[in-house]
Amino acid sequence: MFDGHVATLLDVAVSLVNVLTDGSRQGRPYTAPHGDQLPQAVHDALPPAPDRTTVEQVHAAYLAHTAQQMRAVFDAVDSGRTDQAAELVNVLLRTTGARPQLDRIDGEPWQVHFHGADDTLSVGWSAGCATALALAVGSDLAGRLGVCTAPQCDRVYVDNSRNAVRHFCSNACRSRVKAAAFRARKTSQG
């Protein structure tokens, strides 16, 4: 499975894609926040940070664009187009200038973190997420990236289950599908 830092970055990628891209969610159309709503949406999609109270519009717009690119990676992997997913990830890596670096947090051992050509909020997170996607797509864990299979939902997820059996973005979608199957069985029996 993914190490802690990569898992965190993949979770951030999922959060950004699911919040910042249009589509459908849990059976309903979903329109991503835009304009004045975008900075707060990005702030809420990122992990909390004590030194970040707001997200500037320019960084929010950059991360919204990154989310569009990452959605294409999830879509490509989910439909078995791994070569295309790799090409898309390579574009993200190049445009962000992603590079590994050993960092140490007080009281913890050295850890590999990923940085961008500049470490602004938007480029830093984009580079980290791109590198995490590269580590997934470039390994036997690519199949762990998925798109929800529930009707009228296209939100993405990372399958962290032991047996790689996840098919839904959330418990809500899984419950919707199970309830629909139950109703269909009852209808066909009665």
Protein backbone atom coordinates (compact mmCIF):
# COMPACT_ATOMS: atom_id res chain seq x y z
CA MET A 1 0.00 0.00 0.00
CA PHE A 2 0.96 3.67 -0.03
CA ASP A 3 3.17 5.16 2.67
CA GLY A 4 1.68 7.82 4.93
CA HIS A 5 2.86 10.87 3.00
CA VAL A 6 1.82 9.48 -0.38
CA ALA A 7 -1.55 8.40 1.05
CA THR A 8 -2.10 11.94 2.34
CA LEU A 9 -1.24 13.44 -1.05
CA LEU A 10 -3.56 11.01 -2.82
CA ASP A 11 -6.33 11.93 -0.38
CA VAL A 12 -5.72 15.60 -1.19
CA ALA A 13 -5.84 14.81 -4.92
CA VAL A 14 -9.20 13.05 -4.42
CA SER A 15 -10.52 15.94 -2.35
CA LEU A 16 -9.47 18.55 -4.91
CA VAL A 17 -10.91 16.58 -7.83
CA ASN A 18 -14.18 15.87 -6.05
CA VAL A 19 -14.67 19.47 -4.89
CA LEU A 20 -13.29 21.39 -7.87
CA THR A 21 -14.61 19.51 -10.91
CA ASP A 22 -18.12 19.49 -12.36
CA GLY A 23 -20.01 16.26 -12.89
CA SER A 24 -22.38 14.30 -10.70
CA ARG A 25 -22.31 13.37 -7.04
CA GLN A 26 -24.49 10.89 -5.19
CA GLY A 27 -27.16 10.84 -7.87
CA ARG A 28 -27.32 14.58 -8.52
CA PRO A 29 -25.61 16.99 -10.88
CA TYR A 30 -22.64 18.71 -9.24
CA THR A 31 -21.30 22.12 -10.18
CA ALA A 32 -17.91 23.00 -8.75
CA PRO A 33 -17.53 26.28 -6.87
CA HIS A 34 -16.17 29.14 -8.93
CA GLY A 35 -15.54 32.86 -8.67
CA ASP A 36 -15.63 34.20 -5.14
CA GLN A 37 -16.57 30.76 -3.75
CA LEU A 38 -13.45 29.08 -5.13
CA PRO A 39 -10.87 30.19 -2.49
CA GLN A 40 -12.98 28.91 0.42
CA ALA A 41 -13.69 25.63 -1.40
CA VAL A 42 -9.95 25.09 -1.92
CA HIS A 43 -9.24 26.02 1.69
CA ASP A 44 -11.77 23.42 2.85
CA ALA A 45 -10.47 20.74 0.44
CA LEU A 46 -6.88 21.02 1.71
CA PRO A 47 -5.75 19.57 5.04
CA PRO A 48 -5.87 22.10 7.87
CA ALA A 49 -2.74 24.20 8.38
CA PRO A 50 -2.24 26.54 11.32
CA ASP A 51 -0.42 29.09 9.17
CA ARG A 52 -3.11 29.23 6.45
CA THR A 53 -6.23 31.24 7.13
CA THR A 54 -7.22 32.00 3.56
CA VAL A 55 -6.41 30.93 0.02
CA GLU A 56 -5.71 33.63 -2.53
CA GLN A 57 -7.81 33.60 -5.71
CA VAL A 58 -4.74 32.99 -7.93
CA HIS A 59 -3.82 29.85 -5.96
CA ALA A 60 -7.41 28.64 -5.94
CA ALA A 61 -7.63 29.02 -9.72
CA TYR A 62 -4.32 27.17 -10.19
CA LEU A 63 -5.51 24.28 -7.99
CA ALA A 64 -8.85 24.15 -9.82
CA HIS A 65 -6.92 23.74 -13.08
CA THR A 66 -4.75 21.04 -11.47
CA ALA A 67 -7.91 19.27 -10.29
CA GLN A 68 -9.16 19.13 -13.89
CA GLN A 69 -5.89 17.53 -14.97
CA MET A 70 -5.95 15.05 -12.09
CA ARG A 71 -9.56 14.09 -12.92
CA ALA A 72 -8.33 13.09 -16.38
CA VAL A 73 -5.73 10.83 -14.73
CA PHE A 74 -8.36 9.07 -12.60
CA ASP A 75 -10.66 8.70 -15.63
CA ALA A 76 -7.85 7.24 -17.74
CA VAL A 77 -6.78 4.73 -15.07
CA ASP A 78 -10.38 3.74 -14.37
CA SER A 79 -11.02 2.98 -18.04
CA GLY A 80 -7.78 0.97 -18.43
CA ARG A 81 -5.87 3.64 -20.36
CA THR A 82 -2.74 3.52 -18.20
CA ASP A 83 -0.47 4.86 -20.96
CA GLN A 84 -2.63 7.96 -21.25
CA ALA A 85 -2.72 8.34 -17.45
CA ALA A 86 1.09 8.21 -17.38
CA GLU A 87 1.36 10.87 -20.08
CA LEU A 88 -1.06 13.12 -18.17
CA VAL A 89 0.88 12.67 -14.94
CA ASN A 90 4.14 13.45 -16.74
CA VAL A 91 2.64 16.75 -17.92
CA LEU A 92 1.69 17.59 -14.33
CA LEU A 93 5.17 16.68 -13.10
CA ARG A 94 6.82 18.88 -15.73
CA THR A 95 4.55 21.89 -15.30
CA THR A 96 4.90 21.89 -11.50
CA GLY A 97 8.63 21.14 -11.49
CA ALA A 98 7.96 18.36 -8.98
CA ARG A 99 11.02 17.19 -7.09
CA PRO A 100 11.59 14.97 -4.07
CA GLN A 101 13.27 16.37 -0.99
CA LEU A 102 14.09 14.96 2.43
CA ASP A 103 12.39 16.98 5.15
CA ARG A 104 12.39 16.55 8.88
CA ILE A 105 9.60 17.54 11.21
CA ASP A 106 10.70 18.08 14.81
CA GLY A 107 10.70 14.83 16.74
CA GLU A 108 10.21 12.66 13.65
CA PRO A 109 12.63 10.86 11.30
CA TRP A 110 13.57 12.19 7.86
CA GLN A 111 10.80 11.78 5.31
CA VAL A 112 10.62 12.13 1.55
CA HIS A 113 8.33 15.01 0.66
CA PHE A 114 7.60 16.44 -2.77
CA HIS A 115 7.96 20.07 -3.68
CA GLY A 116 7.34 22.18 -6.75
CA ALA A 117 9.58 24.51 -8.71
CA ASP A 118 8.36 27.14 -6.28
CA ASP A 119 6.71 26.26 -3.02
CA THR A 120 3.69 28.45 -3.25
CA LEU A 121 0.51 26.90 -1.94
CA SER A 122 -0.78 26.01 -5.39
CA VAL A 123 2.41 24.75 -7.03
CA GLY A 124 3.50 22.91 -3.89
CA TRP A 125 0.25 20.98 -3.52
CA SER A 126 0.00 20.38 -7.28
CA ALA A 127 3.56 18.98 -7.38
CA GLY A 128 2.94 16.76 -4.37
CA CYS A 129 -0.31 15.38 -5.75
CA ALA A 130 1.29 14.84 -9.19
CA THR A 131 4.15 12.89 -7.62
CA ALA A 132 1.76 10.76 -5.57
CA LEU A 133 -0.24 9.99 -8.73
CA ALA A 134 3.04 9.11 -10.49
CA LEU A 135 3.94 6.68 -7.71
CA ALA A 136 0.51 5.06 -8.02
CA VAL A 137 0.34 4.93 -11.83
CA GLY A 138 3.97 3.78 -12.06
CA SER A 139 3.40 0.79 -9.79
CA ASP A 140 1.09 -2.16 -9.43
CA LEU A 141 -1.17 0.10 -7.36
CA ALA A 142 -2.55 2.05 -10.34
CA GLY A 143 -5.77 0.04 -10.10
CA ARG A 144 -6.33 1.58 -6.68
CA LEU A 145 -7.36 4.84 -8.37
CA GLY A 146 -11.03 4.72 -9.24
CA VAL A 147 -14.19 6.50 -10.29
CA CYS A 148 -17.42 5.77 -8.43
CA THR A 149 -19.55 3.10 -10.13
CA ALA A 150 -22.85 4.29 -8.60
CA PRO A 151 -25.37 5.63 -11.11
CA GLN A 152 -25.11 9.38 -11.60
CA CYS A 153 -21.88 9.74 -9.65
CA ASP A 154 -18.45 10.38 -11.09
CA ARG A 155 -16.52 11.30 -7.95
CA VAL A 156 -13.10 9.68 -7.56
CA TYR A 157 -11.46 7.66 -4.79
CA VAL A 158 -8.32 5.79 -3.80
CA ASP A 159 -9.02 2.18 -2.81
CA ASN A 160 -7.19 1.50 0.45
CA SER A 161 -9.07 -1.73 1.14
CA ARG A 162 -7.01 -4.84 1.75
CA ASN A 163 -8.47 -6.77 -1.20
CA ALA A 164 -8.92 -3.88 -3.68
CA VAL A 165 -12.69 -4.27 -3.74
CA ARG A 166 -13.86 -0.67 -3.45
CA HIS A 167 -16.25 0.56 -6.15
CA PHE A 168 -17.83 3.66 -4.62
CA CYS A 169 -16.65 7.12 -3.64
CA SER A 170 -18.57 7.09 -0.37
CA ASN A 171 -20.78 5.06 1.93
CA ALA A 172 -23.72 7.14 0.68
CA CYS A 173 -23.23 5.89 -2.90
CA ARG A 174 -22.71 2.31 -1.74
CA SER A 175 -25.95 2.53 0.27
CA ARG A 176 -27.85 4.03 -2.68
CA VAL A 177 -26.80 1.13 -4.92
CA LYS A 178 -27.61 -1.50 -2.29
CA ALA A 179 -31.03 0.04 -1.61
CA ALA A 180 -31.83 0.18 -5.34
CA ALA A 181 -30.82 -3.49 -5.73
CA PHE A 182 -32.98 -4.44 -2.76
CA ARG A 183 -35.99 -2.58 -4.19
CA ALA A 184 -35.44 -4.23 -7.60
CA ARG A 185 -35.35 -7.68 -5.99
CA LYS A 186 -38.55 -6.96 -4.02
CA THR A 187 -40.29 -5.73 -7.18
CA SER A 188 -39.27 -8.80 -9.19
CA GLN A 189 -40.43 -11.16 -6.40
CA GLY A 190 -43.79 -9.52 -5.82
